[in-house]
N, C-alpha and C. Protein backbone atom coordinates (compact mmCIF):
# COMPACT_ATOMS: atom_id res chain seq x y z
N MET A 1 -13.79 152.26 -34.46
CA MET A 1 -14.20 152.29 -36.07
C MET A 1 -14.80 151.22 -36.40
N ALA A 2 -15.84 151.67 -37.19
CA ALA A 2 -16.85 150.89 -37.56
C ALA A 2 -16.65 150.06 -38.58
N PRO A 3 -16.82 149.07 -38.52
CA PRO A 3 -15.96 147.84 -39.92
C PRO A 3 -16.86 148.48 -41.08
N VAL A 4 -16.07 148.25 -41.82
CA VAL A 4 -16.03 148.44 -43.19
C VAL A 4 -17.34 147.68 -43.84
N PRO A 5 -18.48 148.09 -44.89
CA PRO A 5 -19.76 147.27 -44.79
C PRO A 5 -19.32 146.46 -45.92
N GLY A 6 -19.66 144.92 -45.53
CA GLY A 6 -19.53 143.84 -46.33
C GLY A 6 -17.85 143.26 -46.52
N ARG A 7 -17.53 143.70 -44.98
CA ARG A 7 -16.18 143.09 -44.75
C ARG A 7 -16.44 142.44 -43.54
N ALA A 8 -15.52 141.31 -43.09
CA ALA A 8 -16.11 140.72 -41.66
C ALA A 8 -15.53 141.67 -40.44
N ALA A 9 -16.24 141.31 -39.03
CA ALA A 9 -15.52 142.61 -38.37
C ALA A 9 -14.05 141.49 -37.90
N ALA A 10 -13.53 142.10 -37.29
CA ALA A 10 -12.08 141.86 -36.83
C ALA A 10 -12.25 140.74 -35.75
N LEU A 11 -11.38 139.49 -35.87
CA LEU A 11 -12.06 138.47 -34.92
C LEU A 11 -10.14 137.85 -34.23
N PRO A 12 -10.44 137.34 -33.09
CA PRO A 12 -9.00 136.67 -32.53
C PRO A 12 -8.26 136.21 -33.66
N PRO A 13 -7.35 135.47 -33.91
CA PRO A 13 -6.67 135.22 -34.57
C PRO A 13 -7.26 133.63 -34.79
N GLU A 14 -7.40 132.90 -33.67
CA GLU A 14 -7.91 131.56 -33.89
C GLU A 14 -9.56 131.79 -34.53
N GLU A 15 -10.13 132.20 -34.13
CA GLU A 15 -11.47 132.43 -34.51
C GLU A 15 -11.46 133.08 -36.08
N ARG A 16 -10.87 133.90 -36.49
CA ARG A 16 -10.68 134.13 -38.14
C ARG A 16 -10.12 132.82 -38.92
N ARG A 17 -9.24 131.97 -38.00
CA ARG A 17 -8.32 130.93 -38.88
C ARG A 17 -9.86 130.05 -38.96
N GLU A 18 -10.46 129.88 -37.87
CA GLU A 18 -12.02 129.04 -38.21
C GLU A 18 -12.74 129.40 -39.02
N ALA A 19 -12.95 130.95 -38.94
CA ALA A 19 -14.25 131.42 -40.04
C ALA A 19 -13.49 131.19 -41.46
N LEU A 20 -11.94 131.26 -41.63
CA LEU A 20 -11.89 131.32 -43.06
C LEU A 20 -11.98 129.52 -43.18
N ILE A 21 -11.42 128.89 -42.62
CA ILE A 21 -11.93 127.14 -43.03
C ILE A 21 -13.21 127.10 -43.10
N ALA A 22 -14.16 127.18 -42.45
CA ALA A 22 -15.31 126.99 -42.65
C ALA A 22 -15.87 127.92 -43.86
N ALA A 23 -15.21 128.93 -44.53
CA ALA A 23 -15.63 129.51 -45.81
C ALA A 23 -15.21 129.14 -47.03
N THR A 24 -14.43 128.41 -46.51
CA THR A 24 -13.23 127.73 -47.67
C THR A 24 -13.68 126.37 -47.91
N LEU A 25 -14.38 125.30 -47.23
CA LEU A 25 -14.90 124.23 -47.14
C LEU A 25 -15.99 124.22 -48.55
N PRO A 26 -17.08 124.53 -48.31
CA PRO A 26 -17.72 124.38 -49.21
C PRO A 26 -17.26 125.21 -50.88
N LEU A 27 -16.41 125.95 -51.05
CA LEU A 27 -15.44 126.19 -52.24
C LEU A 27 -14.85 124.87 -52.52
N VAL A 28 -14.52 124.43 -51.41
CA VAL A 28 -13.51 123.46 -52.04
C VAL A 28 -14.46 122.57 -52.68
N LEU A 29 -15.15 121.71 -52.08
CA LEU A 29 -15.93 121.16 -52.59
C LEU A 29 -16.64 121.56 -54.15
N GLU A 30 -17.25 122.62 -54.09
CA GLU A 30 -17.55 123.24 -55.85
C GLU A 30 -16.47 123.01 -56.63
N HIS A 31 -15.16 123.67 -56.21
CA HIS A 31 -14.75 124.74 -57.18
C HIS A 31 -12.96 123.40 -57.55
N GLY A 32 -12.86 122.76 -56.42
CA GLY A 32 -11.79 121.90 -56.20
C GLY A 32 -10.28 122.65 -55.11
N THR A 33 -9.57 122.15 -55.14
CA THR A 33 -8.67 122.88 -54.05
C THR A 33 -7.91 124.02 -55.53
N ALA A 34 -7.97 124.02 -56.34
CA ALA A 34 -7.66 125.26 -57.36
C ALA A 34 -8.95 126.45 -57.16
N VAL A 35 -9.59 126.43 -56.24
CA VAL A 35 -10.03 127.38 -55.82
C VAL A 35 -9.58 128.90 -55.26
N SER A 36 -9.77 129.99 -56.11
CA SER A 36 -8.55 131.29 -55.79
C SER A 36 -8.74 131.69 -54.41
N THR A 37 -8.01 132.53 -54.10
CA THR A 37 -8.19 133.22 -52.59
C THR A 37 -8.79 134.43 -52.98
N ARG A 38 -9.13 135.33 -54.26
CA ARG A 38 -10.32 135.75 -54.18
C ARG A 38 -11.65 135.60 -53.82
N LEU A 39 -11.88 133.94 -54.15
CA LEU A 39 -13.67 133.43 -53.89
C LEU A 39 -13.58 133.84 -52.68
N ILE A 40 -12.38 132.91 -51.86
CA ILE A 40 -12.51 132.34 -50.55
C ILE A 40 -12.37 133.86 -49.93
N ALA A 41 -11.53 134.95 -50.19
CA ALA A 41 -12.26 135.88 -49.63
C ALA A 41 -13.35 136.93 -49.46
N GLU A 42 -13.66 136.89 -50.84
CA GLU A 42 -15.12 137.18 -51.16
C GLU A 42 -16.09 136.03 -49.96
N ALA A 43 -16.12 134.80 -49.78
CA ALA A 43 -17.31 133.91 -49.24
C ALA A 43 -16.79 134.27 -47.70
N ALA A 44 -15.29 134.98 -47.15
CA ALA A 44 -15.28 135.37 -45.99
C ALA A 44 -15.77 136.41 -45.39
N GLY A 45 -15.83 137.76 -46.58
CA GLY A 45 -15.79 138.59 -46.37
C GLY A 45 -14.70 139.34 -45.43
N VAL A 46 -13.28 139.22 -46.08
CA VAL A 46 -12.32 139.79 -45.92
C VAL A 46 -11.21 140.31 -46.89
N ALA A 47 -10.63 140.98 -46.72
CA ALA A 47 -9.68 141.21 -47.89
C ALA A 47 -8.23 139.40 -47.89
N GLU A 48 -8.10 139.70 -49.41
CA GLU A 48 -7.56 138.82 -49.66
C GLU A 48 -6.27 138.67 -48.42
N GLY A 49 -5.38 139.88 -48.43
CA GLY A 49 -4.52 139.74 -47.41
C GLY A 49 -4.53 139.39 -45.89
N THR A 50 -5.94 139.28 -45.60
CA THR A 50 -6.19 139.08 -44.13
C THR A 50 -5.83 137.04 -44.44
N ILE A 51 -6.10 136.73 -45.49
CA ILE A 51 -5.88 135.11 -45.92
C ILE A 51 -4.26 134.92 -45.06
N PHE A 52 -3.81 135.49 -46.02
CA PHE A 52 -1.97 135.06 -45.95
C PHE A 52 -1.70 136.14 -44.15
N ARG A 53 -2.45 136.56 -43.93
CA ARG A 53 -1.87 137.13 -42.38
C ARG A 53 -2.24 135.86 -41.34
N VAL A 54 -2.87 134.62 -41.67
CA VAL A 54 -3.35 133.68 -40.73
C VAL A 54 -3.19 132.37 -41.25
N PHE A 55 -2.52 132.35 -42.65
CA PHE A 55 -2.20 131.00 -43.85
C PHE A 55 -1.06 131.59 -44.43
N PRO A 56 0.23 130.87 -44.64
CA PRO A 56 1.29 131.56 -45.05
C PRO A 56 1.15 131.27 -45.91
N THR A 57 0.33 130.23 -46.96
CA THR A 57 -0.05 130.20 -48.46
C THR A 57 -1.05 129.52 -48.66
N LYS A 58 -1.58 129.46 -49.69
CA LYS A 58 -3.10 128.94 -50.01
C LYS A 58 -3.18 127.59 -49.69
N ASP A 59 -1.94 126.90 -50.18
CA ASP A 59 -1.67 125.47 -49.93
C ASP A 59 -2.05 125.35 -48.37
N ASP A 60 -1.38 125.92 -47.34
CA ASP A 60 -1.70 125.70 -45.68
C ASP A 60 -3.28 126.07 -45.75
N LEU A 61 -3.99 127.11 -45.86
CA LEU A 61 -5.33 126.76 -45.66
C LEU A 61 -5.94 125.84 -46.33
N ILE A 62 -6.08 124.96 -47.37
CA ILE A 62 -6.28 123.85 -48.28
C ILE A 62 -6.39 122.61 -47.36
N GLU A 63 -4.86 122.89 -46.90
CA GLU A 63 -4.34 121.60 -45.53
C GLU A 63 -5.05 121.48 -44.22
N ALA A 64 -5.34 123.03 -43.79
CA ALA A 64 -6.34 122.89 -42.77
C ALA A 64 -7.60 122.49 -43.02
N VAL A 65 -8.31 122.94 -44.40
CA VAL A 65 -9.20 122.39 -44.58
C VAL A 65 -9.99 121.05 -44.46
N LEU A 66 -8.68 120.47 -45.12
CA LEU A 66 -9.08 118.66 -45.12
C LEU A 66 -8.80 118.11 -43.77
N ALA A 67 -8.04 119.00 -42.78
CA ALA A 67 -7.69 118.23 -41.56
C ALA A 67 -9.13 118.90 -41.07
N SER A 68 -10.08 119.51 -41.02
CA SER A 68 -10.62 119.88 -40.46
C SER A 68 -12.19 119.10 -40.52
N ALA A 69 -12.25 118.75 -42.28
CA ALA A 69 -13.04 117.82 -42.43
C ALA A 69 -13.26 116.59 -42.39
N PHE A 70 -11.87 116.04 -42.11
CA PHE A 70 -11.63 114.52 -41.42
C PHE A 70 -11.18 114.53 -40.07
N ASP A 71 -11.60 115.46 -39.62
CA ASP A 71 -11.80 115.29 -37.83
C ASP A 71 -13.11 115.32 -37.83
N PRO A 72 -13.43 113.50 -36.78
CA PRO A 72 -14.82 113.41 -36.35
C PRO A 72 -15.27 113.93 -35.30
N SER A 73 -14.56 115.01 -34.77
CA SER A 73 -15.23 115.30 -33.54
C SER A 73 -16.52 116.05 -33.46
N ALA A 74 -17.23 116.50 -34.13
CA ALA A 74 -18.20 117.08 -34.66
C ALA A 74 -19.37 116.03 -34.65
N LEU A 75 -19.11 115.10 -35.45
CA LEU A 75 -19.54 113.48 -35.75
C LEU A 75 -20.04 112.85 -34.34
N ILE A 76 -18.73 112.64 -33.63
CA ILE A 76 -19.11 111.81 -32.36
C ILE A 76 -19.55 112.73 -31.41
N GLU A 77 -19.52 113.90 -31.33
CA GLU A 77 -20.61 115.12 -30.51
C GLU A 77 -22.11 114.68 -30.85
N ALA A 78 -22.25 114.36 -31.83
CA ALA A 78 -23.73 114.55 -32.59
C ALA A 78 -24.50 113.44 -32.06
N ILE A 79 -23.20 112.24 -32.40
CA ILE A 79 -24.17 110.96 -31.77
C ILE A 79 -24.39 110.62 -30.33
N GLY A 80 -22.96 111.67 -29.50
CA GLY A 80 -23.18 111.41 -27.97
C GLY A 80 -24.51 112.18 -27.65
N GLN A 81 -24.95 113.22 -28.17
CA GLN A 81 -25.82 113.74 -27.84
C GLN A 81 -27.88 113.11 -28.54
N VAL A 82 -27.78 111.81 -28.91
CA VAL A 82 -28.75 110.92 -29.50
C VAL A 82 -29.37 110.68 -28.09
N ASP A 83 -30.97 111.11 -28.32
CA ASP A 83 -31.21 110.60 -27.25
C ASP A 83 -31.37 109.01 -26.85
N ARG A 84 -30.95 108.68 -25.36
CA ARG A 84 -30.42 107.34 -25.32
C ARG A 84 -32.07 106.49 -24.55
N SER A 85 -33.57 107.41 -24.79
CA SER A 85 -34.74 106.82 -24.47
C SER A 85 -35.05 106.35 -25.71
N LEU A 86 -34.95 106.78 -26.91
CA LEU A 86 -35.11 106.10 -27.79
C LEU A 86 -35.00 104.94 -28.06
N PRO A 87 -35.98 103.93 -28.85
CA PRO A 87 -35.26 102.55 -29.10
C PRO A 87 -34.30 102.50 -29.96
N LEU A 88 -33.66 101.03 -29.54
CA LEU A 88 -32.48 101.05 -30.41
C LEU A 88 -32.77 101.24 -32.07
N ALA A 89 -33.01 100.87 -32.97
CA ALA A 89 -33.36 101.10 -34.24
C ALA A 89 -33.64 102.88 -34.64
N ASP A 90 -34.67 103.62 -33.55
CA ASP A 90 -34.40 104.62 -34.16
C ASP A 90 -32.99 105.30 -33.80
N ARG A 91 -32.74 104.88 -33.23
CA ARG A 91 -30.81 105.61 -32.46
C ARG A 91 -30.23 105.56 -33.39
N LEU A 92 -30.10 104.25 -33.95
CA LEU A 92 -29.22 104.28 -34.92
C LEU A 92 -29.51 104.71 -36.29
N VAL A 93 -30.64 104.86 -36.43
CA VAL A 93 -31.13 105.39 -37.78
C VAL A 93 -30.65 107.07 -37.63
N VAL A 94 -30.81 107.83 -36.56
CA VAL A 94 -30.18 109.10 -36.49
C VAL A 94 -28.63 109.24 -36.92
N ALA A 95 -28.08 108.13 -36.12
CA ALA A 95 -26.48 108.09 -35.95
C ALA A 95 -25.89 107.64 -37.61
N VAL A 96 -26.97 106.76 -38.02
CA VAL A 96 -25.98 106.66 -39.98
C VAL A 96 -26.66 107.71 -40.72
N ARG A 97 -27.95 108.73 -40.55
CA ARG A 97 -28.10 110.05 -40.54
C ARG A 97 -26.78 110.47 -40.81
N LEU A 98 -26.73 111.09 -39.46
CA LEU A 98 -25.31 111.91 -39.44
C LEU A 98 -24.15 111.25 -39.88
N MET A 99 -23.87 110.28 -39.72
CA MET A 99 -22.42 109.30 -40.58
C MET A 99 -22.26 109.78 -42.05
N GLN A 100 -23.70 109.64 -42.77
CA GLN A 100 -24.20 109.73 -44.17
C GLN A 100 -23.68 111.43 -44.49
N GLU A 101 -24.65 112.13 -43.68
CA GLU A 101 -24.00 113.51 -43.73
C GLU A 101 -22.50 114.15 -44.07
N ARG A 102 -21.99 113.51 -42.74
CA ARG A 102 -20.70 113.78 -42.62
C ARG A 102 -19.97 113.09 -44.42
N GLY A 103 -20.20 111.80 -44.17
CA GLY A 103 -19.34 110.46 -45.63
C GLY A 103 -19.50 111.82 -46.95
N ARG A 104 -20.45 112.63 -47.19
CA ARG A 104 -20.94 113.14 -48.44
C ARG A 104 -20.07 114.43 -48.53
N ARG A 105 -19.93 115.01 -47.38
CA ARG A 105 -18.66 116.17 -47.60
C ARG A 105 -17.13 115.29 -47.61
N VAL A 106 -17.04 114.60 -46.95
CA VAL A 106 -15.74 114.03 -47.02
C VAL A 106 -15.37 113.55 -48.42
N ALA A 107 -16.52 112.62 -48.66
CA ALA A 107 -16.10 112.33 -50.51
C ALA A 107 -15.59 113.24 -51.15
N GLY A 108 -16.72 114.06 -51.18
CA GLY A 108 -16.48 115.62 -52.07
C GLY A 108 -15.05 115.86 -51.48
N LEU A 109 -14.34 115.88 -50.85
CA LEU A 109 -12.72 116.65 -50.55
C LEU A 109 -11.81 115.54 -50.96
N VAL A 110 -12.00 114.67 -50.79
CA VAL A 110 -11.10 113.33 -50.90
C VAL A 110 -11.20 113.80 -52.92
N HIS A 111 -12.64 113.82 -53.39
CA HIS A 111 -12.26 113.93 -54.90
C HIS A 111 -11.77 115.02 -55.41
N ALA A 112 -11.57 116.33 -54.47
CA ALA A 112 -11.06 117.51 -55.02
C ALA A 112 -9.66 117.19 -54.44
N PHE A 113 -9.15 116.10 -53.73
CA PHE A 113 -8.07 116.07 -53.05
C PHE A 113 -7.16 115.37 -54.05
N VAL A 114 -7.81 114.01 -54.83
CA VAL A 114 -7.19 113.17 -56.14
C VAL A 114 -6.95 114.08 -57.40
N ALA A 115 -8.52 114.87 -57.65
CA ALA A 115 -8.24 115.67 -58.60
C ALA A 115 -6.83 116.68 -58.88
N ARG A 116 -6.66 117.31 -57.53
CA ARG A 116 -5.54 117.99 -57.18
C ARG A 116 -4.20 117.06 -57.44
N GLY A 117 -4.59 116.20 -57.61
CA GLY A 117 -3.34 114.94 -58.15
C GLY A 117 -2.50 114.75 -56.96
N SER A 118 -2.67 114.34 -55.82
CA SER A 118 -2.39 114.19 -55.13
C SER A 118 -3.05 113.19 -54.10
N LEU A 119 -2.58 112.40 -53.19
CA LEU A 119 -3.30 111.36 -52.05
C LEU A 119 -2.87 111.47 -50.74
N PRO A 120 -3.73 111.35 -50.04
CA PRO A 120 -3.31 111.84 -48.55
C PRO A 120 -2.38 110.72 -48.29
N ASP A 121 -1.09 111.27 -47.57
CA ASP A 121 -0.18 110.98 -46.98
C ASP A 121 -0.27 109.96 -46.08
N LYS A 122 0.60 108.98 -45.84
CA LYS A 122 1.01 107.69 -44.99
C LYS A 122 0.41 108.60 -43.70
N GLU A 123 0.90 109.73 -43.02
CA GLU A 123 0.53 110.12 -41.66
C GLU A 123 -0.37 110.57 -42.11
N ARG A 124 -1.58 111.25 -42.45
CA ARG A 124 -2.57 111.68 -42.64
C ARG A 124 -3.27 110.79 -42.60
N ALA A 125 -3.26 109.30 -43.31
CA ALA A 125 -4.32 107.99 -43.71
C ALA A 125 -3.97 107.64 -42.18
N TRP A 126 -3.18 107.61 -41.17
CA TRP A 126 -3.18 106.77 -40.10
C TRP A 126 -4.34 107.80 -39.47
N ARG A 127 -4.00 109.19 -39.61
CA ARG A 127 -4.55 110.19 -38.64
C ARG A 127 -6.64 109.64 -38.91
N ILE A 128 -6.34 109.62 -40.40
CA ILE A 128 -8.17 109.12 -40.91
C ILE A 128 -8.30 108.30 -40.16
N ARG A 129 -7.50 107.00 -40.24
CA ARG A 129 -7.87 105.88 -39.49
C ARG A 129 -8.37 105.57 -37.93
N ALA A 130 -7.51 106.64 -37.09
CA ALA A 130 -7.71 106.93 -36.04
C ALA A 130 -8.70 107.21 -35.65
N ALA A 131 -8.90 108.33 -36.51
CA ALA A 131 -10.86 109.09 -36.28
C ALA A 131 -11.50 108.17 -36.24
N GLU A 132 -11.99 107.30 -37.38
CA GLU A 132 -12.95 106.31 -37.58
C GLU A 132 -13.04 105.58 -36.21
N THR A 133 -11.82 105.35 -35.76
CA THR A 133 -11.73 104.24 -34.71
C THR A 133 -13.05 105.27 -32.96
N ARG A 134 -12.29 106.37 -33.27
CA ARG A 134 -13.25 107.38 -32.67
C ARG A 134 -14.20 107.23 -33.07
N VAL A 135 -15.03 107.26 -34.17
CA VAL A 135 -16.40 107.45 -34.29
C VAL A 135 -17.38 105.69 -34.04
N VAL A 136 -16.72 104.37 -33.92
CA VAL A 136 -16.92 103.31 -33.31
C VAL A 136 -16.89 103.76 -32.22
N ASP A 137 -16.36 103.86 -31.42
CA ASP A 137 -16.48 103.57 -30.12
C ASP A 137 -17.91 104.80 -29.56
N ALA A 138 -17.77 105.64 -30.47
CA ALA A 138 -19.11 106.34 -29.79
C ALA A 138 -20.15 105.84 -30.14
N LEU A 139 -20.32 104.96 -31.23
CA LEU A 139 -21.91 104.34 -31.86
C LEU A 139 -21.71 103.01 -30.86
N ALA A 140 -20.78 102.82 -30.31
CA ALA A 140 -20.75 101.29 -29.25
C ALA A 140 -21.40 101.79 -27.86
N LEU A 141 -21.17 103.00 -27.92
CA LEU A 141 -21.61 103.64 -26.80
C LEU A 141 -23.44 104.25 -26.81
N LEU A 142 -23.40 104.02 -27.93
CA LEU A 142 -24.91 104.27 -28.28
C LEU A 142 -25.63 103.34 -28.38
N ILE A 143 -24.81 101.85 -28.29
CA ILE A 143 -25.57 100.68 -28.41
C ILE A 143 -25.79 99.93 -27.28
N GLU A 144 -24.57 100.62 -26.53
CA GLU A 144 -24.53 99.78 -24.98
C GLU A 144 -25.91 99.17 -24.18
N PRO A 145 -26.74 100.56 -24.14
CA PRO A 145 -28.20 99.99 -23.34
C PRO A 145 -28.69 98.88 -24.06
N ASP A 146 -28.61 98.31 -25.25
CA ASP A 146 -29.06 97.05 -25.55
C ASP A 146 -28.17 95.81 -25.66
N ARG A 147 -27.50 95.91 -25.44
CA ARG A 147 -26.55 94.98 -25.49
C ARG A 147 -27.08 93.74 -25.41
N GLU A 148 -27.85 93.28 -24.77
CA GLU A 148 -28.39 91.99 -24.53
C GLU A 148 -29.54 91.61 -25.50
N GLN A 149 -30.08 92.64 -26.45
CA GLN A 149 -30.46 91.77 -27.71
C GLN A 149 -30.07 91.41 -28.70
N LEU A 150 -28.76 91.70 -28.58
CA LEU A 150 -27.89 91.64 -29.72
C LEU A 150 -26.35 90.13 -29.59
N ARG A 151 -26.35 89.44 -30.56
CA ARG A 151 -25.12 88.57 -30.50
C ARG A 151 -23.74 88.84 -30.63
N CYS A 152 -23.62 90.17 -31.17
CA CYS A 152 -22.20 90.75 -31.10
C CYS A 152 -22.22 91.57 -29.66
N PRO A 153 -21.02 91.71 -29.22
CA PRO A 153 -21.21 93.05 -28.38
C PRO A 153 -21.10 94.63 -28.76
N PRO A 154 -21.39 95.84 -28.28
CA PRO A 154 -21.51 96.70 -28.69
C PRO A 154 -20.29 96.96 -29.64
N SER A 155 -19.29 96.81 -29.33
CA SER A 155 -18.15 97.44 -30.30
C SER A 155 -18.05 97.03 -31.52
N GLU A 156 -18.42 95.35 -31.95
CA GLU A 156 -18.44 94.42 -33.37
C GLU A 156 -19.66 95.33 -33.40
N THR A 157 -20.55 95.19 -32.96
CA THR A 157 -21.85 95.59 -33.76
C THR A 157 -21.78 97.01 -34.39
N ALA A 158 -21.03 97.98 -33.32
CA ALA A 158 -20.79 99.33 -33.82
C ALA A 158 -19.96 99.16 -35.34
N ARG A 159 -19.03 98.18 -35.18
CA ARG A 159 -17.45 98.11 -36.30
C ARG A 159 -18.81 98.09 -37.73
N ARG A 160 -19.75 96.99 -37.53
CA ARG A 160 -20.30 96.88 -38.93
C ARG A 160 -21.24 97.73 -39.42
N LEU A 161 -21.96 97.91 -38.84
CA LEU A 161 -22.52 99.46 -38.50
C LEU A 161 -21.98 100.70 -39.28
N ARG A 162 -20.84 100.70 -39.27
CA ARG A 162 -19.71 102.17 -39.78
C ARG A 162 -19.66 101.08 -41.38
N LEU A 163 -19.25 99.78 -40.55
CA LEU A 163 -18.48 99.16 -42.36
C LEU A 163 -20.16 99.51 -43.32
N MET A 164 -21.19 99.03 -43.13
CA MET A 164 -22.49 99.05 -43.83
C MET A 164 -22.54 100.18 -44.27
N THR A 165 -22.34 100.94 -43.05
CA THR A 165 -22.46 102.69 -44.02
C THR A 165 -22.31 103.17 -44.88
N LEU A 166 -20.51 102.98 -44.86
CA LEU A 166 -19.68 103.61 -45.61
C LEU A 166 -20.22 103.04 -46.99
N ALA A 167 -19.82 101.48 -46.51
CA ALA A 167 -20.39 100.79 -48.20
C ALA A 167 -21.26 101.17 -48.92
N LEU A 168 -22.68 101.04 -47.83
CA LEU A 168 -23.94 101.33 -48.62
C LEU A 168 -24.32 102.65 -49.04
N SER A 169 -23.60 103.25 -49.00
CA SER A 169 -23.56 105.20 -48.92
C SER A 169 -22.77 105.60 -49.89
N SER A 170 -21.95 104.39 -50.42
CA SER A 170 -20.63 105.19 -51.42
C SER A 170 -21.53 105.32 -52.90
N PRO A 171 -21.48 106.74 -53.01
CA PRO A 171 -21.46 106.47 -54.48
C PRO A 171 -20.81 105.57 -55.50
N ARG A 172 -19.49 105.44 -55.58
CA ARG A 172 -18.93 104.52 -56.10
C ARG A 172 -19.53 103.19 -55.89
N LEU A 173 -19.75 102.66 -55.06
CA LEU A 173 -20.40 101.11 -54.96
C LEU A 173 -22.05 101.21 -54.95
N VAL A 174 -22.89 102.01 -55.03
CA VAL A 174 -23.98 101.92 -54.99
C VAL A 174 -25.19 103.23 -55.98
N ASP A 175 -24.39 103.31 -57.30
CA ASP A 175 -24.37 104.41 -57.81
C ASP A 175 -24.89 105.50 -57.24
N THR A 176 -25.85 105.88 -57.80
CA THR A 176 -26.38 107.02 -57.74
C THR A 176 -27.88 107.25 -56.41
N HIS A 177 -27.87 105.62 -55.58
CA HIS A 177 -28.81 105.54 -54.98
C HIS A 177 -28.80 104.95 -53.84
N PRO A 178 -27.68 105.50 -52.87
CA PRO A 178 -27.46 105.00 -51.34
C PRO A 178 -28.67 104.92 -50.87
N LEU A 179 -28.32 103.63 -49.74
CA LEU A 179 -29.63 103.19 -49.02
C LEU A 179 -29.91 104.06 -48.08
N PRO A 180 -30.90 104.30 -47.86
CA PRO A 180 -31.53 105.11 -46.63
C PRO A 180 -31.17 104.81 -45.32
N PRO A 181 -31.04 105.35 -44.39
CA PRO A 181 -30.28 105.14 -42.81
C PRO A 181 -31.87 103.65 -42.65
N GLU A 182 -32.71 104.29 -42.41
CA GLU A 182 -33.89 102.83 -42.12
C GLU A 182 -33.48 101.93 -42.59
N GLU A 183 -33.35 101.63 -44.16
CA GLU A 183 -32.74 100.18 -44.58
C GLU A 183 -31.40 99.58 -44.13
N ILE A 184 -30.41 100.64 -44.24
CA ILE A 184 -29.01 100.19 -43.25
C ILE A 184 -28.97 99.68 -41.83
N VAL A 185 -30.27 100.44 -41.29
CA VAL A 185 -30.04 99.88 -39.35
C VAL A 185 -30.80 98.14 -39.88
N SER A 186 -32.42 98.21 -40.59
CA SER A 186 -32.56 97.20 -40.53
C SER A 186 -32.38 96.15 -41.18
N MET A 187 -31.12 95.88 -42.20
CA MET A 187 -30.03 95.04 -42.62
C MET A 187 -29.38 94.87 -41.14
N LEU A 188 -28.50 95.65 -40.73
CA LEU A 188 -27.91 95.38 -39.70
C LEU A 188 -28.95 94.38 -38.59
N LEU A 189 -29.95 95.15 -37.94
CA LEU A 189 -30.54 94.18 -36.94
C LEU A 189 -31.30 93.38 -37.20
N ASP A 190 -31.55 92.96 -38.11
CA ASP A 190 -32.54 92.09 -38.50
C ASP A 190 -31.35 90.73 -38.40
N GLY A 191 -30.19 90.92 -38.84
CA GLY A 191 -28.58 89.67 -38.94
C GLY A 191 -28.37 89.86 -37.78
N LEU A 192 -28.89 90.58 -36.20
CA LEU A 192 -27.75 90.55 -35.17
C LEU A 192 -28.74 90.55 -34.02
N ARG A 193 -29.88 90.67 -34.20
CA ARG A 193 -30.81 90.26 -32.92
C ARG A 193 -30.68 89.19 -32.93
N MET A 194 -30.85 88.62 -31.09
CA MET A 194 -31.21 87.21 -31.15
C MET A 194 -32.74 86.86 -30.90
N CYS A 195 -32.84 85.47 -31.59
CA CYS A 195 -34.34 85.14 -31.84
C CYS A 195 -34.80 85.00 -30.69
N PRO A 196 -35.96 85.39 -30.28
CA PRO A 196 -36.50 85.24 -28.80
C PRO A 196 -36.73 83.97 -28.32
N SER A 197 -37.16 82.90 -29.22
CA SER A 197 -36.95 81.72 -28.57
C SER A 197 -35.61 80.79 -28.60
N THR A 198 -34.64 81.80 -28.47
CA THR A 198 -33.64 80.70 -28.64
C THR A 198 -32.41 81.55 -27.32
N ALA A 199 -32.13 80.55 -26.62
CA ALA A 199 -31.57 81.13 -25.27
C ALA A 199 -30.16 81.96 -25.44
N ALA A 200 -29.45 80.97 -26.50
CA ALA A 200 -27.84 81.35 -27.30
C ALA A 200 -27.82 81.25 -28.56
N PRO A 201 -26.77 82.01 -29.30
CA PRO A 201 -26.57 82.03 -30.38
C PRO A 201 -25.88 80.37 -31.26
N ALA A 202 -26.73 80.08 -32.04
CA ALA A 202 -25.82 78.58 -32.60
C ALA A 202 -24.32 78.61 -33.46
N PRO A 203 -23.22 77.97 -32.96
CA PRO A 203 -22.26 77.76 -33.24
C PRO A 203 -22.27 78.41 -34.63
N ALA A 204 -21.46 79.05 -35.27
CA ALA A 204 -21.36 79.24 -36.92
C ALA A 204 -21.30 77.92 -37.88
N SER A 205 -20.40 76.87 -37.12
CA SER A 205 -20.44 76.22 -37.99
C SER A 205 -21.71 74.69 -38.07
N SER A 206 -22.71 75.37 -37.24
CA SER A 206 -23.87 74.23 -37.02
C SER A 206 -24.88 75.08 -37.65
N SER A 207 -25.03 76.09 -38.20
CA SER A 207 -25.82 77.01 -39.12
C SER A 207 -25.20 77.81 -40.20
N ILE A 208 -26.01 76.92 -41.39
CA ILE A 208 -25.60 78.52 -42.78
C ILE A 208 -26.14 79.32 -42.10
N GLY A 209 -25.28 80.64 -42.41
CA GLY A 209 -25.53 82.02 -42.27
C GLY A 209 -25.66 82.32 -40.74
N ALA A 210 -25.12 81.20 -40.26
CA ALA A 210 -24.71 81.95 -38.45
C ALA A 210 -23.65 83.08 -38.57
N SER A 211 -23.71 83.70 -37.87
CA SER A 211 -22.37 84.94 -37.57
C SER A 211 -21.88 84.96 -36.19
N SER A 212 -20.60 84.56 -36.52
CA SER A 212 -19.63 85.00 -35.57
C SER A 212 -19.07 86.37 -35.04
N CYS A 213 -19.15 86.45 -33.65
CA CYS A 213 -18.68 87.87 -33.29
C CYS A 213 -16.93 87.84 -33.06
């Protein structure tokens, strides 16, 4: 039987689940977690009943959307695909841009979550922190080929880059003007690159502004 015009074709259960999550994410960003199943069904091109054959309740679907958005796997894969032949600064600009794009989506979901009147529970908060560790690990691998340029090891450089990106891209901290990726990378590297005339970094106690790792 041919599919009904305007309706999505039949999919295996797991693919239908992912399709519903993908269709719901932008709606949650726009309308918050109170978005109706009617709007979700229209966006996904399915009947409302199809949603409840995949997810017992709308809350279950919203939880799946949140879990998917906080999962850094796509970001980690994208960082892993950055061209290693590019100069270090160029590689990091690409990585910061990727992190900022994901950060905007996550920030919108957090806002929707708070507006719903609930915050991530301790278990979810722990999963989010563990996920962020994986992002830092991916950044460290991206930095590794140029470790000799830096005072800090790749893992610490990656941690600082991640923290700077989060802080300098957050609307709460920088109003409506997050720093561009090039500026964030410049701030990091100009503070971490070894001076060509210096064989070893000076101890932190011997120089104002010296940084230890």
